[in-house]
C-alpha atoms as a PDB file:
ATOM      1  CA  MET A   1      12.013  -5.128 -10.638  1.00  0.00           C
ATOM      2  CA  LYS A   2      11.518  -8.562  -8.430  1.00  0.00           C
ATOM      3  CA  ALA A   3      14.876  -6.670  -6.930  1.00  0.00           C
ATOM      4  CA  TRP A   4      12.967  -3.105  -6.287  1.00  0.00           C
ATOM      5  CA  LEU A   5       9.980  -4.905  -5.185  1.00  0.00           C
ATOM      6  CA  PHE A   6      12.056  -7.512  -2.878  1.00  0.00           C
ATOM      7  CA  SER A   7      13.538  -4.814  -0.948  1.00  0.00           C
ATOM      8  CA  ILE A   8      10.154  -2.755   0.090  1.00  0.00           C
ATOM      9  CA  ALA A   9       8.832  -5.710   0.468  1.00  0.00           C
ATOM     10  CA  ALA A  10      11.547  -6.291   3.328  1.00  0.00           C
ATOM     11  CA  MET A  11      11.269  -3.083   5.073  1.00  0.00           C
ATOM     12  CA  ALA A  12       8.292  -4.061   6.620  1.00  0.00           C
ATOM     13  CA  PRO A  13      10.178  -6.556   9.949  1.00  0.00           C
ATOM     14  CA  ALA A  14      11.852  -3.414   9.782  1.00  0.00           C
ATOM     15  CA  VAL A  15       9.232  -1.234  10.039  1.00  0.00           C
ATOM     16  CA  ALA A  16       7.657  -3.494  12.921  1.00  0.00           C
ATOM     17  CA  LEU A  17      11.256  -3.998  14.893  1.00  0.00           C
ATOM     18  CA  ALA A  18      11.430  -0.594  15.135  1.00  0.00           C
ATOM     19  CA  HIS A  19       8.179   0.221  16.620  1.00  0.00           C
ATOM     20  CA  PRO A  20       8.025  -3.135  19.180  1.00  0.00           C
ATOM     21  CA  GLY A  21       4.319  -4.510  19.755  1.00  0.00           C
ATOM     22  CA  HIS A  22       2.627  -1.547  16.887  1.00  0.00           C
ATOM     23  CA  GLY A  23       2.249  -4.596  14.820  1.00  0.00           C
ATOM     24  CA  THR A  24       0.057  -6.646  17.632  1.00  0.00           C
ATOM     25  CA  GLN A  25      -1.702  -3.574  18.508  1.00  0.00           C
ATOM     26  CA  GLY A  26      -3.898  -2.632  15.323  1.00  0.00           C
ATOM     27  CA  SER A  27      -1.379   0.354  14.287  1.00  0.00           C
ATOM     28  CA  LEU A  28      -3.886   1.603  11.053  1.00  0.00           C
ATOM     29  CA  LEU A  29      -0.885   2.073   8.399  1.00  0.00           C
ATOM     30  CA  HIS A  30      -1.948   3.299   4.609  1.00  0.00           C
ATOM     31  CA  SER A  31      -0.544   3.663   1.202  1.00  0.00           C
ATOM     32  CA  LEU A  32      -1.631   5.741  -1.345  1.00  0.00           C
ATOM     33  CA  GLY A  33      -1.880   3.770  -3.937  1.00  0.00           C
ATOM     34  CA  HIS A  34      -2.396  -0.581  -5.140  1.00  0.00           C
ATOM     35  CA  GLY A  35      -0.422  -0.998  -7.643  1.00  0.00           C
ATOM     36  CA  GLY A  36       3.471  -2.599  -7.603  1.00  0.00           C
ATOM     37  CA  GLU A  37       5.220  -1.246  -5.561  1.00  0.00           C
ATOM     38  CA  PRO A  38       2.524  -0.015  -3.074  1.00  0.00           C
ATOM     39  CA  LEU A  39       0.736  -2.753  -2.656  1.00  0.00           C
ATOM     40  CA  VAL A  40       4.044  -5.628  -2.307  1.00  0.00           C
ATOM     41  CA  LEU A  41       4.304  -3.061   0.854  1.00  0.00           C
ATOM     42  CA  ALA A  42       0.901  -3.155   2.061  1.00  0.00           C
ATOM     43  CA  VAL A  43       0.897  -6.926   1.689  1.00  0.00           C
ATOM     44  CA  ALA A  44       4.311  -7.281   3.415  1.00  0.00           C
ATOM     45  CA  LEU A  45       2.883  -4.725   6.475  1.00  0.00           C
ATOM     46  CA  ALA A  46      -0.384  -6.956   6.914  1.00  0.00           C
ATOM     47  CA  GLU A  47       1.145  -9.620   6.767  1.00  0.00           C
ATOM     48  CA  VAL A  48       4.329  -8.565   9.788  1.00  0.00           C
ATOM     49  CA  GLY A  49       1.073  -7.982  11.771  1.00  0.00           C
ATOM     50  CA  PHE A  50      -0.243  -3.771  10.713  1.00  0.00           C
ATOM     51  CA  ARG A  51      -4.045  -3.134   9.658  1.00  0.00           C
ATOM     52  CA  VAL A  52      -3.670  -1.621   5.914  1.00  0.00           C
ATOM     53  CA  THR A  53      -5.660   0.394   4.001  1.00  0.00           C
ATOM     54  CA  GLY A  54      -4.092   1.076   1.115  1.00  0.00           C
ATOM     55  CA  ILE A  55      -6.332   4.283  -1.312  1.00  0.00           C
ATOM     56  CA  ASP A  56      -6.136   4.327  -4.846  1.00  0.00           C
ATOM     57  CA  VAL A  57      -8.255   5.708  -6.897  1.00  0.00           C
ATOM     58  CA  ASP A  58      -8.452   3.184  -9.778  1.00  0.00           C
ATOM     59  CA  GLY A  59     -12.025   1.527  -8.736  1.00  0.00           C
ATOM     60  CA  ARG A  60     -11.207  -1.177 -10.654  1.00  0.00           C
ATOM     61  CA  LYS A  61      -7.263  -2.328  -8.214  1.00  0.00           C
ATOM     62  CA  VAL A  62      -9.389  -1.446  -5.396  1.00  0.00           C
ATOM     63  CA  ARG A  63     -11.906  -3.739  -5.863  1.00  0.00           C
ATOM     64  CA  ALA A  64     -10.065  -6.149  -7.196  1.00  0.00           C
ATOM     65  CA  VAL A  65      -8.020  -6.049  -3.435  1.00  0.00           C
ATOM     66  CA  LEU A  66     -10.919  -6.180  -1.428  1.00  0.00           C
ATOM     67  CA  ALA A  67     -12.054  -9.535  -3.364  1.00  0.00           C
ATOM     68  CA  GLY A  68      -9.298 -10.548  -2.306  1.00  0.00           C
ATOM     69  CA  THR A  69      -7.906 -11.129  -5.913  1.00  0.00           C
ATOM     70  CA  SER A  70      -3.952  -9.324  -6.557  1.00  0.00           C
ATOM     71  CA  PRO A  71      -4.651  -6.408  -9.463  1.00  0.00           C
ATOM     72  CA  ILE A  72      -0.294  -7.363 -10.542  1.00  0.00           C
ATOM     73  CA  GLY A  73       1.893  -9.672 -10.617  1.00  0.00           C
ATOM     74  CA  ASP A  74       4.148 -10.080  -8.353  1.00  0.00           C
ATOM     75  CA  ILE A  75       1.488 -10.502  -5.366  1.00  0.00           C
ATOM     76  CA  GLU A  76      -0.439 -14.153  -5.617  1.00  0.00           C
ATOM     77  CA  ASN A  77      -4.458 -13.689  -4.590  1.00  0.00           C
ATOM     78  CA  GLN A  78      -3.721 -17.020  -2.117  1.00  0.00           C
ATOM     79  CA  ARG A  79      -1.152 -15.039  -0.365  1.00  0.00           C
ATOM     80  CA  LEU A  80      -3.750 -11.215  -0.847  1.00  0.00           C
ATOM     81  CA  ALA A  81      -7.062 -13.094   0.130  1.00  0.00           C
ATOM     82  CA  PRO A  82      -6.025 -14.368   3.895  1.00  0.00           C
ATOM     83  CA  LEU A  83      -4.612 -10.469   4.337  1.00  0.00           C
ATOM     84  CA  VAL A  84      -8.646  -9.445   3.001  1.00  0.00           C
ATOM     85  CA  ALA A  85     -10.568 -11.915   4.850  1.00  0.00           C
ATOM     86  CA  SER A  86      -8.905 -11.481   8.404  1.00  0.00           C
ATOM     87  CA  GLY A  87      -9.160  -7.522   7.994  1.00  0.00           C
ATOM     88  CA  LYS A  88      -5.066  -7.192   8.403  1.00  0.00           C
ATOM     89  CA  LEU A  89      -5.299  -5.297   4.511  1.00  0.00           C
ATOM     90  CA  THR A  90      -8.787  -3.234   3.016  1.00  0.00           C
ATOM     91  CA  ALA A  91      -8.784  -0.996   0.009  1.00  0.00           C
ATOM     92  CA  SER A  92     -10.791   2.555  -0.236  1.00  0.00           C
ATOM     93  CA  ALA A  93     -10.809   5.462  -3.006  1.00  0.00           C
ATOM     94  CA  SER A  94     -12.393   7.603  -0.722  1.00  0.00           C
ATOM     95  CA  TYR A  95      -9.089  10.005   0.915  1.00  0.00           C
ATOM     96  CA  SER A  96     -11.344  10.306   3.701  1.00  0.00           C
ATOM     97  CA  VAL A  97     -10.171   7.099   5.131  1.00  0.00           C
ATOM     98  CA  ALA A  98      -6.956   8.605   6.038  1.00  0.00           C
ATOM     99  CA  ALA A  99      -8.248  11.048   8.531  1.00  0.00           C
ATOM    100  CA  ASP A 100      -7.569   8.317  11.400  1.00  0.00           C
ATOM    101  CA  CYS A 101      -4.423   6.263  10.323  1.00  0.00           C
ATOM    102  CA  ASP A 102      -1.698   6.352  11.830  1.00  0.00           C
ATOM    103  CA  ALA A 103       0.969   6.551   9.243  1.00  0.00           C
ATOM    104  CA  LEU A 104       0.749   7.580   5.678  1.00  0.00           C
ATOM    105  CA  PHE A 105       2.968   6.258   2.506  1.00  0.00           C
ATOM    106  CA  VAL A 106       2.350   8.119  -0.583  1.00  0.00           C
ATOM    107  CA  CYS A 107       3.557   5.797  -3.416  1.00  0.00           C
ATOM    108  CA  VAL A 108       1.897   6.880  -6.732  1.00  0.00           C
ATOM    109  CA  PRO A 109       3.704   7.463 -10.411  1.00  0.00           C
ATOM    110  CA  THR A 110       7.070   9.866 -11.157  1.00  0.00           C
ATOM    111  CA  PRO A 111       7.431   9.144 -14.390  1.00  0.00           C
ATOM    112  CA  PHE A 112      10.854  10.869 -15.774  1.00  0.00           C
ATOM    113  CA  ASP A 113      10.247  12.974 -18.892  1.00  0.00           C
ATOM    114  CA  PRO A 114      13.224  12.921 -21.307  1.00  0.00           C
ATOM    115  CA  ASN A 115      15.591  15.724 -19.818  1.00  0.00           C
ATOM    116  CA  LYS A 116      15.172  13.194 -15.871  1.00  0.00           C
ATOM    117  CA  THR A 117      13.065  15.857 -14.226  1.00  0.00           C
ATOM    118  CA  PRO A 118      10.383  14.185 -12.986  1.00  0.00           C
ATOM    119  CA  ASP A 119       6.305  13.991 -13.655  1.00  0.00           C
ATOM    120  CA  LEU A 120       4.875  15.673 -10.387  1.00  0.00           C
ATOM    121  CA  ARG A 121       1.085  15.704 -11.215  1.00  0.00           C
ATOM    122  CA  ALA A 122       0.014  12.314  -8.888  1.00  0.00           C
ATOM    123  CA  VAL A 123       2.445  13.800  -5.983  1.00  0.00           C
ATOM    124  CA  HIS A 124       0.255  16.556  -6.495  1.00  0.00           C
ATOM    125  CA  ALA A 125      -3.246  14.771  -7.079  1.00  0.00           C
ATOM    126  CA  ALA A 126      -3.106  13.069  -4.199  1.00  0.00           C
ATOM    127  CA  ALA A 127      -1.410  16.048  -1.066  1.00  0.00           C
ATOM    128  CA  ASP A 128      -4.522  17.858  -2.488  1.00  0.00           C
ATOM    129  CA  GLY A 129      -6.694  14.554  -1.934  1.00  0.00           C
ATOM    130  CA  LEU A 130      -5.989  14.343   1.696  1.00  0.00           C
END
């Protein structure tokens, strides 16, 4: 899992390089979900200068992020808190905040059943919410 999270976080500088200046000019990115991979990606993008809002239906995760407290073990509070305090990273339980974003990353669970068929209910719920 750590290698996968690292590879996602490693994408953030590539995104910033592919769009020079966007990070410093306030591009607004949103990620649906604030669990493992989405929060790692959100933090990495905020660290390279993007403003990021995480959207999650789990109010506990939203409240934790807004308090600068990581709801996952892969992100330390001392890494998250300054991003929240600076306004680079925020969270919401409302899909309505997605209306003004420049890009949206949908990061929701798609577990496999015994036949290796992904459960797409969370993807459909995210699409319905948008």
